Amino acid sequence: MRKYKYLELTIEYVFKANFNDSYYLETLYLDLDDLIKDEFVWIDPYHKRSKLNDTLIAVKYVSDEEYVILQKQGESIQEFRSPIDSVFICSEDFDQSGLLASHIRFRKEKG
């Protein structure tokens, strides 16, 4: 039985001139039992805020030590393996001054 139960998506605008300057939009918690199935469950990491709408992610594997996330852009799929306590970041240009970013973490509980 794994300790981590939720995938947390924190979506924000990040200003290109200063990556420490961001505007928080929302945080979502998705139940890992709903995401880890026999077939990949693809989700929008930007929760319908993207202008491009070409990025999806899927959780391939989660343990108490590491995770594997698949990132799909168009027909291309990349696999990322990281320690469980590290943040996975998706980002795309939003306008001339900012990026739309999704910081993805695994959580034991909501909040």
C-alpha atoms as a PDB file:
ATOM      1  CA  MET A   1       0.000   0.000   0.000  1.00  0.00           C
ATOM      2  CA  ARG A   2       1.524   3.307  -1.055  1.00  0.00           C
ATOM      3  CA  LYS A   3       1.587   6.364   1.200  1.00  0.00           C
ATOM      4  CA  TYR A   4       0.841   8.864  -1.571  1.00  0.00           C
ATOM      5  CA  LYS A   5      -2.837   9.209  -2.444  1.00  0.00           C
ATOM      6  CA  TYR A   6      -3.167  12.427  -4.458  1.00  0.00           C
ATOM      7  CA  LEU A   7      -1.701  14.201  -7.434  1.00  0.00           C
ATOM      8  CA  GLU A   8      -1.573  17.927  -6.703  1.00  0.00           C
ATOM      9  CA  LEU A   9      -1.644  20.391  -9.620  1.00  0.00           C
ATOM     10  CA  THR A  10      -0.834  24.008  -8.750  1.00  0.00           C
ATOM     11  CA  ILE A  11      -1.505  26.232 -11.736  1.00  0.00           C
ATOM     12  CA  GLU A  12      -0.109  29.752 -11.982  1.00  0.00           C
ATOM     13  CA  TYR A  13       1.163  32.445 -14.305  1.00  0.00           C
ATOM     14  CA  VAL A  14       4.916  32.983 -14.005  1.00  0.00           C
ATOM     15  CA  PHE A  15       6.494  36.200 -15.246  1.00  0.00           C
ATOM     16  CA  LYS A  16       9.445  35.691 -17.617  1.00  0.00           C
ATOM     17  CA  ALA A  17      11.400  38.660 -16.250  1.00  0.00           C
ATOM     18  CA  ASN A  18      11.421  37.181 -12.739  1.00  0.00           C
ATOM     19  CA  PHE A  19      10.576  33.506 -12.221  1.00  0.00           C
ATOM     20  CA  ASN A  20      10.021  34.202  -8.501  1.00  0.00           C
ATOM     21  CA  ASP A  21       7.130  36.468  -9.452  1.00  0.00           C
ATOM     22  CA  SER A  22       3.995  34.462 -10.112  1.00  0.00           C
ATOM     23  CA  TYR A  23       0.221  34.775  -9.979  1.00  0.00           C
ATOM     24  CA  TYR A  24      -1.554  31.838  -8.342  1.00  0.00           C
ATOM     25  CA  LEU A  25      -4.622  30.522 -10.186  1.00  0.00           C
ATOM     26  CA  GLU A  26      -5.723  27.300  -8.483  1.00  0.00           C
ATOM     27  CA  THR A  27      -4.745  23.998  -6.889  1.00  0.00           C
ATOM     28  CA  LEU A  28      -6.420  20.706  -7.763  1.00  0.00           C
ATOM     29  CA  TYR A  29      -6.157  17.330  -6.029  1.00  0.00           C
ATOM     30  CA  LEU A  30      -6.735  14.238  -8.124  1.00  0.00           C
ATOM     31  CA  ASP A  31      -7.103  10.803  -6.535  1.00  0.00           C
ATOM     32  CA  LEU A  32      -4.277   8.518  -7.684  1.00  0.00           C
ATOM     33  CA  ASP A  33      -6.630   5.515  -7.678  1.00  0.00           C
ATOM     34  CA  ASP A  34      -8.549   7.272 -10.477  1.00  0.00           C
ATOM     35  CA  LEU A  35      -5.356   7.986 -12.446  1.00  0.00           C
ATOM     36  CA  ILE A  36      -3.423   4.736 -12.226  1.00  0.00           C
ATOM     37  CA  LYS A  37      -5.302   2.177 -14.293  1.00  0.00           C
ATOM     38  CA  ASP A  38      -4.482  -0.582 -16.795  1.00  0.00           C
ATOM     39  CA  GLU A  39      -4.585   2.057 -19.558  1.00  0.00           C
ATOM     40  CA  PHE A  40      -3.074   5.525 -19.130  1.00  0.00           C
ATOM     41  CA  VAL A  41      -5.443   8.238 -17.915  1.00  0.00           C
ATOM     42  CA  TRP A  42      -4.404  11.445 -19.694  1.00  0.00           C
ATOM     43  CA  ILE A  43      -5.142  14.741 -17.928  1.00  0.00           C
ATOM     44  CA  ASP A  44      -4.724  18.406 -18.800  1.00  0.00           C
ATOM     45  CA  PRO A  45      -2.037  19.800 -16.447  1.00  0.00           C
ATOM     46  CA  TYR A  46      -3.333  23.360 -16.990  1.00  0.00           C
ATOM     47  CA  HIS A  47      -6.995  22.559 -16.246  1.00  0.00           C
ATOM     48  CA  LYS A  48      -8.385  24.138 -19.451  1.00  0.00           C
ATOM     49  CA  ARG A  49      -6.329  27.361 -19.152  1.00  0.00           C
ATOM     50  CA  SER A  50      -3.926  26.604 -22.008  1.00  0.00           C
ATOM     51  CA  LYS A  51      -4.176  28.510 -25.279  1.00  0.00           C
ATOM     52  CA  LEU A  52      -2.401  25.668 -27.111  1.00  0.00           C
ATOM     53  CA  ASN A  53      -4.243  22.665 -25.629  1.00  0.00           C
ATOM     54  CA  ASP A  54      -1.581  20.233 -26.813  1.00  0.00           C
ATOM     55  CA  THR A  55      -0.088  18.994 -23.515  1.00  0.00           C
ATOM     56  CA  LEU A  56      -1.383  16.047 -21.511  1.00  0.00           C
ATOM     57  CA  ILE A  57       0.189  14.068 -18.675  1.00  0.00           C
ATOM     58  CA  ALA A  58      -0.368  10.579 -17.302  1.00  0.00           C
ATOM     59  CA  VAL A  59       0.935   8.911 -14.161  1.00  0.00           C
ATOM     60  CA  LYS A  60       2.652   5.688 -15.176  1.00  0.00           C
ATOM     61  CA  TYR A  61       4.034   4.624 -11.797  1.00  0.00           C
ATOM     62  CA  VAL A  62       4.171   5.817  -8.177  1.00  0.00           C
ATOM     63  CA  SER A  63       5.958   4.310  -5.195  1.00  0.00           C
ATOM     64  CA  ASP A  64       7.055   5.731  -1.858  1.00  0.00           C
ATOM     65  CA  GLU A  65      10.466   6.482  -3.422  1.00  0.00           C
ATOM     66  CA  GLU A  66       9.834   7.629  -7.013  1.00  0.00           C
ATOM     67  CA  TYR A  67       7.324   8.376  -9.735  1.00  0.00           C
ATOM     68  CA  VAL A  68       7.119   8.183 -13.508  1.00  0.00           C
ATOM     69  CA  ILE A  69       5.082  10.733 -15.462  1.00  0.00           C
ATOM     70  CA  LEU A  70       4.403  10.647 -19.190  1.00  0.00           C
ATOM     71  CA  GLN A  71       4.090  13.969 -20.987  1.00  0.00           C
ATOM     72  CA  LYS A  72       2.342  13.998 -24.351  1.00  0.00           C
ATOM     73  CA  GLN A  73       2.649  16.937 -26.738  1.00  0.00           C
ATOM     74  CA  GLY A  74       1.013  16.263 -30.068  1.00  0.00           C
ATOM     75  CA  GLU A  75       2.197  12.802 -31.114  1.00  0.00           C
ATOM     76  CA  SER A  76       5.382  12.936 -28.992  1.00  0.00           C
ATOM     77  CA  ILE A  77       5.450  11.203 -25.588  1.00  0.00           C
ATOM     78  CA  GLN A  78       8.311  11.653 -23.111  1.00  0.00           C
ATOM     79  CA  GLU A  79       8.844   9.705 -19.900  1.00  0.00           C
ATOM     80  CA  PHE A  80      10.165  11.414 -16.749  1.00  0.00           C
ATOM     81  CA  ARG A  81      11.356   9.499 -13.669  1.00  0.00           C
ATOM     82  CA  SER A  82      11.972  11.482 -10.463  1.00  0.00           C
ATOM     83  CA  PRO A  83      12.231  11.092  -6.680  1.00  0.00           C
ATOM     84  CA  ILE A  84       8.795  11.214  -5.050  1.00  0.00           C
ATOM     85  CA  ASP A  85       9.515  14.482  -3.229  1.00  0.00           C
ATOM     86  CA  SER A  86      10.524  16.420  -6.371  1.00  0.00           C
ATOM     87  CA  VAL A  87       8.240  18.721  -8.358  1.00  0.00           C
ATOM     88  CA  PHE A  88       7.396  18.037 -11.998  1.00  0.00           C
ATOM     89  CA  ILE A  89       6.775  21.270 -13.924  1.00  0.00           C
ATOM     90  CA  CYS A  90       4.896  21.757 -17.180  1.00  0.00           C
ATOM     91  CA  SER A  91       5.027  25.199 -18.742  1.00  0.00           C
ATOM     92  CA  GLU A  92       4.179  26.965 -21.969  1.00  0.00           C
ATOM     93  CA  ASP A  93       4.253  30.533 -23.275  1.00  0.00           C
ATOM     94  CA  PHE A  94       1.081  32.347 -22.330  1.00  0.00           C
ATOM     95  CA  ASP A  95       1.905  35.778 -23.726  1.00  0.00           C
ATOM     96  CA  GLN A  96       4.973  37.978 -24.278  1.00  0.00           C
ATOM     97  CA  SER A  97       5.601  38.496 -20.572  1.00  0.00           C
ATOM     98  CA  GLY A  98       4.454  35.277 -18.949  1.00  0.00           C
ATOM     99  CA  LEU A  99       4.290  31.519 -18.844  1.00  0.00           C
ATOM    100  CA  LEU A 100       1.448  29.262 -17.826  1.00  0.00           C
ATOM    101  CA  ALA A 101       2.895  26.712 -15.396  1.00  0.00           C
ATOM    102  CA  SER A 102       1.642  23.642 -13.592  1.00  0.00           C
ATOM    103  CA  HIS A 103       3.637  22.403 -10.609  1.00  0.00           C
ATOM    104  CA  ILE A 104       2.859  18.741 -10.061  1.00  0.00           C
ATOM    105  CA  ARG A 105       3.501  16.968  -6.749  1.00  0.00           C
ATOM    106  CA  PHE A 106       2.424  13.780  -5.051  1.00  0.00           C
ATOM    107  CA  ARG A 107       0.699  14.202  -1.684  1.00  0.00           C
ATOM    108  CA  LYS A 108      -0.305  11.945   1.184  1.00  0.00           C
ATOM    109  CA  GLU A 109      -3.326  14.124   1.937  1.00  0.00           C
ATOM    110  CA  LYS A 110      -5.126  17.140   0.516  1.00  0.00           C
ATOM    111  CA  GLY A 111      -4.022  20.605   1.550  1.00  0.00           C
END
